[in-house]
């Protein structure tokens, strides 16, 4: 039996290899033998650390969701002005381009969520955490009088998350429907309408003294 430290290191190695393979090849074509080959192990050895490929991929998903949500929460913490926080949040939710590995990973694993309730539950958590971040920004801006919300804050927050997901998916297709500036502009347009706030002022460079 592997020692606890060694077992932890090997599990981490397998998770990293699985992450790389999902990004490179996609989740649909991935097989346990692919992970084992890159790790220099037999498939049976991989199953010593993870009972099935699905268990390994759930760990990959868990880490990807946590990284994505933590990064967005940090973006929100860095801005004090609700308007700037809203703009920064929108930018942080879109892929930076087709080479954005974290977003590609989340979208790839999302294909499994359509069939597996365990994966779907993790994506529901991802969605709810992002909605909560937007809710905090919208309600703070409303309380300060910088936002005049066109509908309830939860509806706007949900729409923003779903629009991000939709634009992001189109941006990562083999032939992208949107580039980053266009997707960002469309999202900011909706946000400005929904908050009745001129976000162009936030986007403009601050005057130098």
N, C-alpha and C. Protein backbone atom coordinates (compact mmCIF):
# COMPACT_ATOMS: atom_id res chain seq x y z
N UNK A 1 0.85 -1.20 0.00
CA UNK A 1 0.00 0.00 0.00
C UNK A 1 0.88 1.25 0.00
N UNK A 2 0.54 2.25 -0.82
CA UNK A 2 1.33 3.47 -0.91
C UNK A 2 1.24 4.26 0.39
N UNK A 3 2.33 4.91 0.75
CA UNK A 3 2.32 5.77 1.92
C UNK A 3 1.42 6.98 1.64
N UNK A 4 0.83 7.57 2.71
CA UNK A 4 -0.13 8.67 2.51
C UNK A 4 0.43 9.82 1.67
N UNK A 5 1.68 10.24 1.93
CA UNK A 5 2.25 11.36 1.18
C UNK A 5 2.41 10.98 -0.29
N UNK A 6 2.94 9.80 -0.51
CA UNK A 6 3.14 9.34 -1.88
C UNK A 6 1.81 9.19 -2.61
N UNK A 7 0.81 8.71 -1.88
CA UNK A 7 -0.51 8.54 -2.48
C UNK A 7 -1.09 9.89 -2.87
N UNK A 8 -0.94 10.89 -2.01
CA UNK A 8 -1.43 12.23 -2.30
C UNK A 8 -0.74 12.80 -3.54
N UNK A 9 0.58 12.62 -3.63
CA UNK A 9 1.33 13.13 -4.77
C UNK A 9 0.89 12.45 -6.07
N UNK A 10 0.69 11.14 -5.99
CA UNK A 10 0.28 10.42 -7.20
C UNK A 10 -1.11 10.84 -7.64
N UNK A 11 -2.04 11.01 -6.69
CA UNK A 11 -3.38 11.46 -7.05
C UNK A 11 -3.32 12.84 -7.71
N UNK A 12 -2.51 13.74 -7.15
CA UNK A 12 -2.39 15.07 -7.72
C UNK A 12 -1.82 15.00 -9.14
N UNK A 13 -0.86 14.11 -9.34
CA UNK A 13 -0.27 13.94 -10.67
C UNK A 13 -1.32 13.46 -11.67
N UNK A 14 -2.14 12.51 -11.26
CA UNK A 14 -3.16 11.97 -12.16
C UNK A 14 -4.24 13.01 -12.48
N UNK A 15 -4.57 13.83 -11.51
CA UNK A 15 -5.54 14.90 -11.75
C UNK A 15 -4.99 15.89 -12.76
N UNK A 16 -3.71 16.24 -12.62
CA UNK A 16 -3.09 17.18 -13.55
C UNK A 16 -3.02 16.59 -14.96
N UNK A 17 -2.69 15.32 -15.06
CA UNK A 17 -2.63 14.67 -16.38
C UNK A 17 -4.02 14.63 -17.01
N UNK A 18 -5.02 14.28 -16.23
CA UNK A 18 -6.39 14.25 -16.75
C UNK A 18 -6.82 15.64 -17.21
N UNK A 19 -6.45 16.66 -16.45
CA UNK A 19 -6.78 18.03 -16.84
C UNK A 19 -6.16 18.37 -18.19
N UNK A 20 -4.89 18.05 -18.35
CA UNK A 20 -4.21 18.33 -19.61
C UNK A 20 -4.89 17.61 -20.78
N UNK A 21 -5.25 16.36 -20.57
CA UNK A 21 -5.84 15.57 -21.65
C UNK A 21 -7.23 16.07 -22.02
N UNK A 22 -8.01 16.51 -21.04
CA UNK A 22 -9.33 17.05 -21.35
C UNK A 22 -9.20 18.29 -22.22
N UNK A 23 -8.24 19.16 -21.87
CA UNK A 23 -8.03 20.38 -22.64
C UNK A 23 -7.53 20.05 -24.05
N UNK A 24 -6.63 19.07 -24.15
CA UNK A 24 -6.03 18.73 -25.44
C UNK A 24 -6.99 17.97 -26.37
N UNK A 25 -7.71 16.99 -25.80
CA UNK A 25 -8.47 16.07 -26.64
C UNK A 25 -9.98 16.18 -26.49
N UNK A 26 -10.42 16.77 -25.39
CA UNK A 26 -11.84 16.78 -25.09
C UNK A 26 -12.21 15.61 -24.21
N UNK A 27 -13.31 15.75 -23.48
CA UNK A 27 -13.68 14.73 -22.51
C UNK A 27 -14.35 13.52 -23.15
N UNK A 28 -15.02 13.71 -24.28
CA UNK A 28 -15.77 12.61 -24.89
C UNK A 28 -14.84 11.49 -25.33
N UNK A 29 -13.69 11.84 -25.87
CA UNK A 29 -12.77 10.83 -26.40
C UNK A 29 -11.78 10.31 -25.36
N UNK A 30 -11.82 10.86 -24.17
CA UNK A 30 -10.82 10.49 -23.15
C UNK A 30 -11.10 9.10 -22.58
N UNK A 31 -10.06 8.30 -22.43
CA UNK A 31 -10.15 6.96 -21.86
C UNK A 31 -9.17 6.82 -20.70
N UNK A 32 -9.48 5.91 -19.81
CA UNK A 32 -8.59 5.65 -18.68
C UNK A 32 -7.20 5.27 -19.15
N UNK A 33 -7.13 4.52 -20.24
CA UNK A 33 -5.82 4.10 -20.76
C UNK A 33 -4.98 5.30 -21.21
N UNK A 34 -5.62 6.38 -21.65
CA UNK A 34 -4.88 7.59 -22.04
C UNK A 34 -4.17 8.20 -20.84
N UNK A 35 -4.90 8.27 -19.73
CA UNK A 35 -4.31 8.81 -18.50
C UNK A 35 -3.18 7.93 -18.01
N UNK A 36 -3.42 6.62 -18.02
CA UNK A 36 -2.41 5.68 -17.54
C UNK A 36 -1.14 5.76 -18.39
N UNK A 37 -1.30 5.83 -19.69
CA UNK A 37 -0.14 5.88 -20.59
C UNK A 37 0.71 7.10 -20.32
N UNK A 38 0.08 8.27 -20.18
CA UNK A 38 0.86 9.48 -19.96
C UNK A 38 1.51 9.47 -18.58
N UNK A 39 0.88 8.83 -17.62
CA UNK A 39 1.44 8.75 -16.26
C UNK A 39 2.51 7.67 -16.14
N UNK A 40 2.63 6.83 -17.17
CA UNK A 40 3.58 5.72 -17.10
C UNK A 40 3.13 4.62 -16.17
N UNK A 41 1.81 4.43 -16.08
CA UNK A 41 1.22 3.43 -15.21
C UNK A 41 0.33 2.50 -16.02
N UNK A 42 -0.05 1.40 -15.42
CA UNK A 42 -1.06 0.54 -16.00
C UNK A 42 -2.44 1.08 -15.62
N UNK A 43 -3.48 0.79 -16.40
CA UNK A 43 -4.83 1.21 -16.01
C UNK A 43 -5.21 0.72 -14.61
N UNK A 44 -4.77 -0.50 -14.27
CA UNK A 44 -5.09 -1.03 -12.94
C UNK A 44 -4.46 -0.18 -11.85
N UNK A 45 -3.27 0.35 -12.11
CA UNK A 45 -2.61 1.20 -11.12
C UNK A 45 -3.35 2.52 -10.94
N UNK A 46 -3.87 3.07 -12.02
CA UNK A 46 -4.66 4.29 -11.91
C UNK A 46 -5.90 4.04 -11.05
N UNK A 47 -6.49 2.86 -11.23
CA UNK A 47 -7.70 2.52 -10.47
C UNK A 47 -7.42 2.28 -8.99
N UNK A 48 -6.16 2.15 -8.63
CA UNK A 48 -5.80 2.07 -7.21
C UNK A 48 -6.06 3.42 -6.54
N UNK A 49 -5.85 4.50 -7.29
CA UNK A 49 -5.99 5.85 -6.74
C UNK A 49 -7.38 6.44 -6.97
N UNK A 50 -8.02 6.05 -8.06
CA UNK A 50 -9.37 6.51 -8.38
C UNK A 50 -10.17 5.30 -8.86
N UNK A 51 -11.35 5.12 -8.32
CA UNK A 51 -12.11 3.91 -8.61
C UNK A 51 -12.57 3.82 -10.06
N UNK A 52 -12.63 4.97 -10.75
CA UNK A 52 -13.06 5.00 -12.15
C UNK A 52 -12.61 6.31 -12.76
N UNK A 53 -12.61 6.37 -14.09
CA UNK A 53 -12.27 7.61 -14.77
C UNK A 53 -13.21 8.74 -14.35
N UNK A 54 -14.48 8.41 -14.14
CA UNK A 54 -15.45 9.44 -13.74
C UNK A 54 -15.08 10.07 -12.41
N UNK A 55 -14.55 9.27 -11.49
CA UNK A 55 -14.14 9.83 -10.19
C UNK A 55 -12.96 10.78 -10.37
N UNK A 56 -12.03 10.40 -11.22
CA UNK A 56 -10.87 11.26 -11.50
C UNK A 56 -11.32 12.58 -12.13
N UNK A 57 -12.23 12.51 -13.08
CA UNK A 57 -12.70 13.71 -13.75
C UNK A 57 -13.52 14.61 -12.82
N UNK A 58 -14.18 14.01 -11.83
CA UNK A 58 -14.90 14.83 -10.85
C UNK A 58 -13.92 15.66 -10.03
N UNK A 59 -12.76 15.09 -9.74
CA UNK A 59 -11.74 15.84 -9.01
C UNK A 59 -11.21 16.98 -9.89
N UNK A 60 -11.02 16.70 -11.17
CA UNK A 60 -10.60 17.75 -12.11
C UNK A 60 -11.64 18.86 -12.14
N UNK A 61 -12.90 18.47 -12.20
CA UNK A 61 -14.00 19.44 -12.23
C UNK A 61 -14.03 20.27 -10.95
N UNK A 62 -13.92 19.61 -9.79
CA UNK A 62 -13.95 20.31 -8.51
C UNK A 62 -12.88 21.40 -8.46
N UNK A 63 -11.67 21.04 -8.87
CA UNK A 63 -10.57 22.00 -8.82
C UNK A 63 -10.78 23.14 -9.80
N UNK A 64 -11.30 22.84 -10.98
CA UNK A 64 -11.54 23.88 -11.99
C UNK A 64 -12.61 24.86 -11.51
N UNK A 65 -13.68 24.34 -10.94
CA UNK A 65 -14.76 25.20 -10.43
C UNK A 65 -14.23 26.10 -9.32
N UNK A 66 -13.45 25.53 -8.43
CA UNK A 66 -12.92 26.30 -7.30
C UNK A 66 -11.97 27.40 -7.79
N UNK A 67 -11.12 27.08 -8.74
CA UNK A 67 -10.20 28.08 -9.29
C UNK A 67 -10.96 29.22 -9.94
N UNK A 68 -11.97 28.88 -10.72
CA UNK A 68 -12.73 29.88 -11.45
C UNK A 68 -13.49 30.80 -10.49
N UNK A 69 -14.17 30.21 -9.52
CA UNK A 69 -14.95 31.01 -8.57
C UNK A 69 -14.06 31.86 -7.68
N UNK A 70 -12.95 31.30 -7.24
CA UNK A 70 -12.03 32.05 -6.37
C UNK A 70 -11.45 33.24 -7.10
N UNK A 71 -11.10 33.04 -8.37
CA UNK A 71 -10.55 34.14 -9.17
C UNK A 71 -11.56 35.26 -9.33
N UNK A 72 -12.82 34.90 -9.55
CA UNK A 72 -13.86 35.92 -9.74
C UNK A 72 -14.15 36.65 -8.43
N UNK A 73 -14.15 35.92 -7.33
CA UNK A 73 -14.37 36.55 -6.03
C UNK A 73 -13.25 37.55 -5.72
N UNK A 74 -12.03 37.20 -6.10
CA UNK A 74 -10.90 38.09 -5.88
C UNK A 74 -11.03 39.35 -6.72
N UNK A 75 -11.48 39.20 -7.94
CA UNK A 75 -11.72 40.36 -8.80
C UNK A 75 -12.73 41.31 -8.14
N UNK A 76 -13.79 40.74 -7.59
CA UNK A 76 -14.82 41.55 -6.94
C UNK A 76 -14.27 42.27 -5.72
N UNK A 77 -13.38 41.62 -4.99
CA UNK A 77 -12.82 42.23 -3.77
C UNK A 77 -11.88 43.40 -4.09
N UNK A 78 -11.27 43.38 -5.25
CA UNK A 78 -10.26 44.38 -5.56
C UNK A 78 -10.84 45.73 -5.93
N UNK A 79 -12.11 45.78 -6.31
CA UNK A 79 -12.74 47.03 -6.72
C UNK A 79 -13.75 47.49 -5.67
N UNK A 80 -13.65 48.74 -5.26
CA UNK A 80 -14.57 49.28 -4.25
C UNK A 80 -15.83 49.88 -4.88
N UNK A 81 -15.67 50.54 -6.01
CA UNK A 81 -16.79 51.16 -6.70
C UNK A 81 -17.63 50.07 -7.34
N UNK A 82 -18.95 49.97 -7.03
CA UNK A 82 -19.79 48.91 -7.62
C UNK A 82 -19.79 48.92 -9.14
N UNK A 83 -19.66 50.08 -9.76
CA UNK A 83 -19.63 50.15 -11.22
C UNK A 83 -18.38 49.46 -11.76
N UNK A 84 -17.26 49.77 -11.15
CA UNK A 84 -16.01 49.14 -11.58
C UNK A 84 -16.00 47.64 -11.25
N UNK A 85 -16.61 47.30 -10.13
CA UNK A 85 -16.71 45.87 -9.78
C UNK A 85 -17.55 45.13 -10.81
N UNK A 86 -18.62 45.75 -11.27
CA UNK A 86 -19.49 45.11 -12.26
C UNK A 86 -18.74 44.89 -13.57
N UNK A 87 -18.03 45.91 -14.02
CA UNK A 87 -17.26 45.79 -15.27
C UNK A 87 -16.18 44.72 -15.13
N UNK A 88 -15.48 44.73 -14.00
CA UNK A 88 -14.41 43.75 -13.78
C UNK A 88 -14.96 42.34 -13.72
N UNK A 89 -16.13 42.18 -13.10
CA UNK A 89 -16.75 40.86 -13.01
C UNK A 89 -17.13 40.33 -14.39
N UNK A 90 -17.70 41.19 -15.21
CA UNK A 90 -18.09 40.78 -16.56
C UNK A 90 -16.85 40.33 -17.34
N UNK A 91 -15.79 41.09 -17.24
CA UNK A 91 -14.56 40.73 -17.95
C UNK A 91 -13.97 39.42 -17.45
N UNK A 92 -14.09 39.17 -16.16
CA UNK A 92 -13.50 37.96 -15.58
C UNK A 92 -14.31 36.70 -15.92
N UNK A 93 -15.55 36.87 -16.36
CA UNK A 93 -16.39 35.71 -16.65
C UNK A 93 -16.27 35.21 -18.07
N UNK A 94 -15.63 35.99 -18.94
CA UNK A 94 -15.49 35.60 -20.34
C UNK A 94 -14.13 34.95 -20.59
N UNK A 95 -14.05 34.02 -21.52
CA UNK A 95 -12.73 33.48 -21.90
C UNK A 95 -11.85 34.60 -22.42
N UNK A 96 -10.56 34.50 -22.19
CA UNK A 96 -9.63 35.49 -22.72
C UNK A 96 -9.35 35.24 -24.20
N UNK A 97 -9.82 34.11 -24.70
CA UNK A 97 -9.61 33.71 -26.09
C UNK A 97 -9.71 32.21 -26.19
N UNK A 98 -9.45 31.66 -27.36
CA UNK A 98 -9.59 30.22 -27.55
C UNK A 98 -8.52 29.43 -26.80
N UNK A 99 -7.48 30.09 -26.34
CA UNK A 99 -6.44 29.39 -25.59
C UNK A 99 -6.64 29.49 -24.08
N UNK A 100 -7.82 29.94 -23.65
CA UNK A 100 -8.13 30.03 -22.21
C UNK A 100 -8.40 28.62 -21.69
N UNK A 101 -7.39 28.01 -21.07
CA UNK A 101 -7.49 26.60 -20.68
C UNK A 101 -8.55 26.35 -19.61
N UNK A 102 -8.67 27.25 -18.64
CA UNK A 102 -9.64 27.01 -17.57
C UNK A 102 -11.07 27.03 -18.11
N UNK A 103 -11.38 28.00 -18.94
CA UNK A 103 -12.74 28.05 -19.51
C UNK A 103 -12.99 26.86 -20.42
N UNK A 104 -12.01 26.49 -21.22
CA UNK A 104 -12.17 25.31 -22.08
C UNK A 104 -12.42 24.07 -21.25
N UNK A 105 -11.72 23.96 -20.16
CA UNK A 105 -11.89 22.80 -19.27
C UNK A 105 -13.30 22.74 -18.70
N UNK A 106 -13.81 23.87 -18.24
CA UNK A 106 -15.15 23.91 -17.67
C UNK A 106 -16.22 23.57 -18.71
N UNK A 107 -16.06 24.10 -19.91
CA UNK A 107 -17.04 23.80 -20.96
C UNK A 107 -16.97 22.33 -21.38
N UNK A 108 -15.77 21.77 -21.47
CA UNK A 108 -15.63 20.36 -21.83
C UNK A 108 -16.30 19.46 -20.79
N UNK A 109 -16.05 19.71 -19.54
CA UNK A 109 -16.64 18.88 -18.49
C UNK A 109 -18.14 19.11 -18.38
N UNK A 110 -18.59 20.25 -18.89
CA UNK A 110 -20.03 20.51 -18.90
C UNK A 110 -20.80 19.52 -19.76
N UNK A 111 -20.14 18.93 -20.76
CA UNK A 111 -20.82 17.93 -21.59
C UNK A 111 -21.19 16.70 -20.77
N UNK A 112 -20.39 16.37 -19.75
CA UNK A 112 -20.70 15.23 -18.88
C UNK A 112 -21.86 15.57 -17.97
N UNK A 113 -21.95 16.85 -17.57
CA UNK A 113 -23.00 17.27 -16.65
C UNK A 113 -24.40 17.07 -17.23
N UNK A 114 -24.51 16.99 -18.53
CA UNK A 114 -25.82 16.77 -19.14
C UNK A 114 -26.33 15.36 -18.88
N UNK A 115 -25.41 14.45 -18.52
CA UNK A 115 -25.81 13.05 -18.34
C UNK A 115 -25.61 12.53 -16.92
N UNK A 116 -24.77 13.19 -16.15
CA UNK A 116 -24.40 12.69 -14.82
C UNK A 116 -24.84 13.69 -13.75
N UNK A 117 -25.76 13.30 -12.85
CA UNK A 117 -26.26 14.22 -11.83
C UNK A 117 -25.17 14.77 -10.91
N UNK A 118 -24.13 13.97 -10.65
CA UNK A 118 -23.06 14.43 -9.77
C UNK A 118 -22.30 15.61 -10.40
N UNK A 119 -22.03 15.50 -11.69
CA UNK A 119 -21.37 16.60 -12.38
C UNK A 119 -22.32 17.80 -12.46
N UNK A 120 -23.58 17.54 -12.73
CA UNK A 120 -24.56 18.62 -12.84
C UNK A 120 -24.67 19.40 -11.54
N UNK A 121 -24.60 18.70 -10.40
CA UNK A 121 -24.69 19.36 -9.10
C UNK A 121 -23.54 20.34 -8.90
N UNK A 122 -22.35 19.97 -9.38
CA UNK A 122 -21.19 20.86 -9.24
C UNK A 122 -21.35 22.08 -10.12
N UNK A 123 -21.95 21.91 -11.28
CA UNK A 123 -22.17 23.06 -12.15
C UNK A 123 -23.28 23.96 -11.61
N UNK A 124 -24.23 23.38 -10.92
CA UNK A 124 -25.25 24.20 -10.27
C UNK A 124 -24.60 25.06 -9.19
N UNK A 125 -23.66 24.47 -8.45
CA UNK A 125 -22.91 25.23 -7.44
C UNK A 125 -22.12 26.36 -8.10
N UNK A 126 -21.47 26.06 -9.23
CA UNK A 126 -20.73 27.08 -9.97
C UNK A 126 -21.65 28.23 -10.37
N UNK A 127 -22.79 27.89 -10.90
CA UNK A 127 -23.76 28.91 -11.32
C UNK A 127 -24.23 29.75 -10.14
N UNK A 128 -24.59 29.11 -9.05
CA UNK A 128 -25.12 29.82 -7.89
C UNK A 128 -24.08 30.74 -7.25
N UNK A 129 -22.84 30.30 -7.24
CA UNK A 129 -21.79 31.14 -6.66
C UNK A 129 -21.55 32.39 -7.50
N UNK A 130 -21.62 32.24 -8.81
CA UNK A 130 -21.46 33.41 -9.68
C UNK A 130 -22.65 34.36 -9.56
N UNK A 131 -23.85 33.82 -9.47
CA UNK A 131 -25.03 34.66 -9.28
C UNK A 131 -24.90 35.44 -7.97
N UNK A 132 -24.43 34.78 -6.92
CA UNK A 132 -24.27 35.44 -5.62
C UNK A 132 -23.29 36.60 -5.70
N UNK A 133 -22.21 36.42 -6.46
CA UNK A 133 -21.24 37.51 -6.62
C UNK A 133 -21.89 38.71 -7.31
N UNK A 134 -22.62 38.44 -8.36
CA UNK A 134 -23.30 39.54 -9.06
C UNK A 134 -24.36 40.20 -8.17
N UNK A 135 -25.07 39.38 -7.41
CA UNK A 135 -26.09 39.94 -6.51
C UNK A 135 -25.48 40.95 -5.55
N UNK A 136 -24.33 40.58 -4.97
CA UNK A 136 -23.68 41.48 -4.03
C UNK A 136 -23.31 42.81 -4.67
N UNK A 137 -22.82 42.76 -5.90
CA UNK A 137 -22.44 43.98 -6.61
C UNK A 137 -23.67 44.83 -6.94
N UNK A 138 -24.70 44.19 -7.47
CA UNK A 138 -25.90 44.91 -7.87
C UNK A 138 -26.60 45.55 -6.68
N UNK A 139 -26.70 44.82 -5.59
CA UNK A 139 -27.40 45.35 -4.41
C UNK A 139 -26.60 46.45 -3.73
N UNK A 140 -25.28 46.32 -3.74
CA UNK A 140 -24.45 47.39 -3.18
C UNK A 140 -24.58 48.66 -4.03
N UNK A 141 -24.55 48.50 -5.35
CA UNK A 141 -24.70 49.66 -6.23
C UNK A 141 -26.05 50.31 -6.10
N UNK A 142 -27.08 49.49 -5.92
CA UNK A 142 -28.43 50.02 -5.73
C UNK A 142 -28.53 50.79 -4.42
N UNK A 143 -27.96 50.23 -3.36
CA UNK A 143 -28.00 50.88 -2.05
C UNK A 143 -27.26 52.22 -2.06
N UNK A 144 -26.19 52.31 -2.85
CA UNK A 144 -25.41 53.54 -2.93
C UNK A 144 -26.00 54.55 -3.92
N UNK A 145 -27.00 54.12 -4.69
CA UNK A 145 -27.64 55.01 -5.64
C UNK A 145 -26.93 55.14 -6.97
N UNK A 146 -25.94 54.30 -7.24
CA UNK A 146 -25.25 54.38 -8.54
C UNK A 146 -25.93 53.48 -9.57
N UNK A 147 -26.73 52.51 -9.09
CA UNK A 147 -27.53 51.67 -9.98
C UNK A 147 -29.01 51.94 -9.73
N UNK A 148 -29.77 52.01 -10.80
CA UNK A 148 -31.23 52.08 -10.73
C UNK A 148 -31.73 50.84 -11.47
N UNK A 149 -31.89 49.74 -10.75
CA UNK A 149 -32.13 48.44 -11.37
C UNK A 149 -33.45 48.40 -12.13
N UNK A 150 -33.37 47.91 -13.37
CA UNK A 150 -34.55 47.84 -14.23
C UNK A 150 -35.47 46.69 -13.84
N UNK A 151 -34.96 45.71 -13.12
CA UNK A 151 -35.76 44.60 -12.59
C UNK A 151 -35.09 44.13 -11.31
N UNK A 152 -35.60 43.07 -10.70
CA UNK A 152 -35.02 42.64 -9.44
C UNK A 152 -33.59 42.16 -9.65
N UNK A 153 -32.78 42.31 -8.62
CA UNK A 153 -31.35 42.04 -8.72
C UNK A 153 -31.05 40.59 -9.07
N UNK A 154 -31.87 39.66 -8.59
CA UNK A 154 -31.60 38.25 -8.88
C UNK A 154 -31.80 37.94 -10.36
N UNK A 155 -32.83 38.53 -10.96
CA UNK A 155 -33.06 38.31 -12.39
C UNK A 155 -31.89 38.83 -13.21
N UNK A 156 -31.40 40.01 -12.87
CA UNK A 156 -30.26 40.59 -13.60
C UNK A 156 -29.02 39.73 -13.41
N UNK A 157 -28.79 39.30 -12.18
CA UNK A 157 -27.61 38.48 -11.89
C UNK A 157 -27.65 37.17 -12.67
N UNK A 158 -28.81 36.54 -12.68
CA UNK A 158 -28.94 35.28 -13.42
C UNK A 158 -28.72 35.49 -14.91
N UNK A 159 -29.29 36.56 -15.44
CA UNK A 159 -29.12 36.83 -16.87
C UNK A 159 -27.65 37.06 -17.21
N UNK A 160 -26.94 37.76 -16.36
CA UNK A 160 -25.53 38.03 -16.63
C UNK A 160 -24.71 36.74 -16.68
N UNK A 161 -24.98 35.83 -15.75
CA UNK A 161 -24.23 34.57 -15.73
C UNK A 161 -24.56 33.73 -16.96
N UNK A 162 -25.83 33.65 -17.31
CA UNK A 162 -26.23 32.84 -18.47
C UNK A 162 -25.70 33.46 -19.77
N UNK A 163 -25.72 34.77 -19.87
CA UNK A 163 -25.17 35.42 -21.07
C UNK A 163 -23.67 35.17 -21.17
N UNK A 164 -22.97 35.25 -20.07
CA UNK A 164 -21.53 34.93 -20.07
C UNK A 164 -21.29 33.52 -20.60
N UNK A 165 -22.07 32.58 -20.07
CA UNK A 165 -21.91 31.18 -20.49
C UNK A 165 -22.16 31.03 -21.98
N UNK A 166 -23.21 31.68 -22.47
CA UNK A 166 -23.55 31.56 -23.89
C UNK A 166 -22.49 32.18 -24.78
N UNK A 167 -22.07 33.38 -24.46
CA UNK A 167 -21.03 34.02 -25.27
C UNK A 167 -19.72 33.23 -25.19
N UNK A 168 -19.39 32.76 -23.99
CA UNK A 168 -18.16 32.00 -23.82
C UNK A 168 -18.14 30.74 -24.68
N UNK A 169 -19.27 30.04 -24.72
CA UNK A 169 -19.36 28.84 -25.53
C UNK A 169 -19.13 29.16 -27.01
N UNK A 170 -19.75 30.22 -27.49
CA UNK A 170 -19.57 30.61 -28.88
C UNK A 170 -18.13 31.05 -29.17
N UNK A 171 -17.49 31.64 -28.18
CA UNK A 171 -16.11 32.11 -28.37
C UNK A 171 -15.12 30.96 -28.46
N UNK A 172 -15.46 29.81 -27.87
CA UNK A 172 -14.53 28.69 -27.82
C UNK A 172 -14.80 27.63 -28.88
N UNK A 173 -15.79 27.87 -29.76
CA UNK A 173 -16.04 26.91 -30.83
C UNK A 173 -14.89 26.94 -31.84
N UNK A 174 -14.79 25.90 -32.66
CA UNK A 174 -13.72 25.81 -33.65
C UNK A 174 -13.69 27.04 -34.53
N UNK A 175 -14.87 27.52 -34.90
CA UNK A 175 -14.98 28.80 -35.61
C UNK A 175 -15.78 29.72 -34.69
N UNK A 176 -15.09 30.64 -34.07
CA UNK A 176 -15.72 31.47 -33.04
C UNK A 176 -16.77 32.41 -33.63
N UNK A 177 -17.92 32.49 -32.95
CA UNK A 177 -18.97 33.42 -33.36
C UNK A 177 -18.66 34.84 -32.90
N UNK A 178 -18.03 34.94 -31.73
CA UNK A 178 -17.70 36.24 -31.15
C UNK A 178 -16.22 36.28 -30.81
N UNK A 179 -15.63 37.48 -30.92
CA UNK A 179 -14.31 37.66 -30.35
C UNK A 179 -14.48 38.30 -28.97
N UNK A 180 -13.39 38.44 -28.24
CA UNK A 180 -13.48 38.93 -26.86
C UNK A 180 -14.07 40.33 -26.79
N UNK A 181 -13.59 41.30 -27.56
CA UNK A 181 -14.15 42.66 -27.46
C UNK A 181 -15.65 42.72 -27.76
N UNK A 182 -16.10 41.94 -28.76
CA UNK A 182 -17.53 41.98 -29.11
C UNK A 182 -18.38 41.40 -28.00
N UNK A 183 -17.99 40.25 -27.46
CA UNK A 183 -18.74 39.64 -26.36
C UNK A 183 -18.77 40.56 -25.15
N UNK A 184 -17.64 41.16 -24.85
CA UNK A 184 -17.58 42.07 -23.71
C UNK A 184 -18.49 43.27 -23.92
N UNK A 185 -18.47 43.84 -25.13
CA UNK A 185 -19.30 45.00 -25.43
C UNK A 185 -20.79 44.68 -25.30
N UNK A 186 -21.20 43.52 -25.78
CA UNK A 186 -22.61 43.12 -25.70
C UNK A 186 -23.05 42.89 -24.25
N UNK A 187 -22.19 42.27 -23.47
CA UNK A 187 -22.52 42.05 -22.06
C UNK A 187 -22.61 43.37 -21.30
N UNK A 188 -21.67 44.26 -21.56
CA UNK A 188 -21.69 45.55 -20.88
C UNK A 188 -22.90 46.37 -21.29
N UNK A 189 -23.34 46.20 -22.53
CA UNK A 189 -24.53 46.91 -22.99
C UNK A 189 -25.76 46.44 -22.20
N UNK A 190 -25.88 45.12 -22.02
CA UNK A 190 -27.00 44.61 -21.23
C UNK A 190 -26.90 45.11 -19.79
N UNK A 191 -25.70 45.05 -19.21
CA UNK A 191 -25.51 45.47 -17.82
C UNK A 191 -25.87 46.94 -17.64
N UNK A 192 -25.49 47.79 -18.61
CA UNK A 192 -25.79 49.21 -18.51
C UNK A 192 -27.30 49.44 -18.57
N UNK A 193 -27.98 48.71 -19.45
CA UNK A 193 -29.44 48.83 -19.54
C UNK A 193 -30.11 48.33 -18.27
N UNK A 194 -29.64 47.21 -17.76
CA UNK A 194 -30.27 46.60 -16.58
C UNK A 194 -30.05 47.41 -15.31
N UNK A 195 -28.96 48.16 -15.25
CA UNK A 195 -28.67 48.95 -14.05
C UNK A 195 -28.97 50.43 -14.25
N UNK A 196 -29.36 50.79 -15.48
CA UNK A 196 -29.57 52.20 -15.83
C UNK A 196 -28.37 53.04 -15.40
N UNK A 197 -27.20 52.54 -15.73
CA UNK A 197 -25.96 53.20 -15.33
C UNK A 197 -25.06 53.34 -16.56
N UNK A 198 -24.48 54.51 -16.73
CA UNK A 198 -23.59 54.74 -17.87
C UNK A 198 -22.22 54.13 -17.56
N UNK A 199 -22.04 52.89 -17.96
CA UNK A 199 -20.78 52.21 -17.69
C UNK A 199 -19.65 52.70 -18.58
N UNK A 200 -19.97 53.47 -19.62
CA UNK A 200 -18.92 54.05 -20.46
C UNK A 200 -18.01 54.95 -19.63
N UNK A 201 -18.58 55.60 -18.62
CA UNK A 201 -17.77 56.45 -17.75
C UNK A 201 -16.72 55.63 -17.01
N UNK A 202 -17.09 54.42 -16.65
CA UNK A 202 -16.16 53.54 -15.94
C UNK A 202 -15.08 53.06 -16.88
N UNK A 203 -15.46 52.80 -18.13
CA UNK A 203 -14.51 52.28 -19.11
C UNK A 203 -13.54 53.33 -19.60
N UNK A 204 -13.94 54.62 -19.52
CA UNK A 204 -13.07 55.69 -19.99
C UNK A 204 -11.88 55.86 -19.05
N UNK A 205 -10.71 56.15 -19.58
CA UNK A 205 -9.55 56.37 -18.72
C UNK A 205 -9.77 57.53 -17.77
N UNK A 206 -9.32 57.40 -16.56
CA UNK A 206 -9.45 58.49 -15.60
C UNK A 206 -8.53 59.62 -16.01
N UNK A 207 -9.00 60.89 -15.90
CA UNK A 207 -8.17 62.02 -16.30
C UNK A 207 -6.93 62.13 -15.43
N UNK A 208 -5.83 62.46 -16.04
CA UNK A 208 -4.60 62.64 -15.27
C UNK A 208 -4.61 63.99 -14.62
N UNK A 209 -4.11 64.11 -13.38
CA UNK A 209 -4.15 65.40 -12.70
C UNK A 209 -3.23 66.43 -13.35
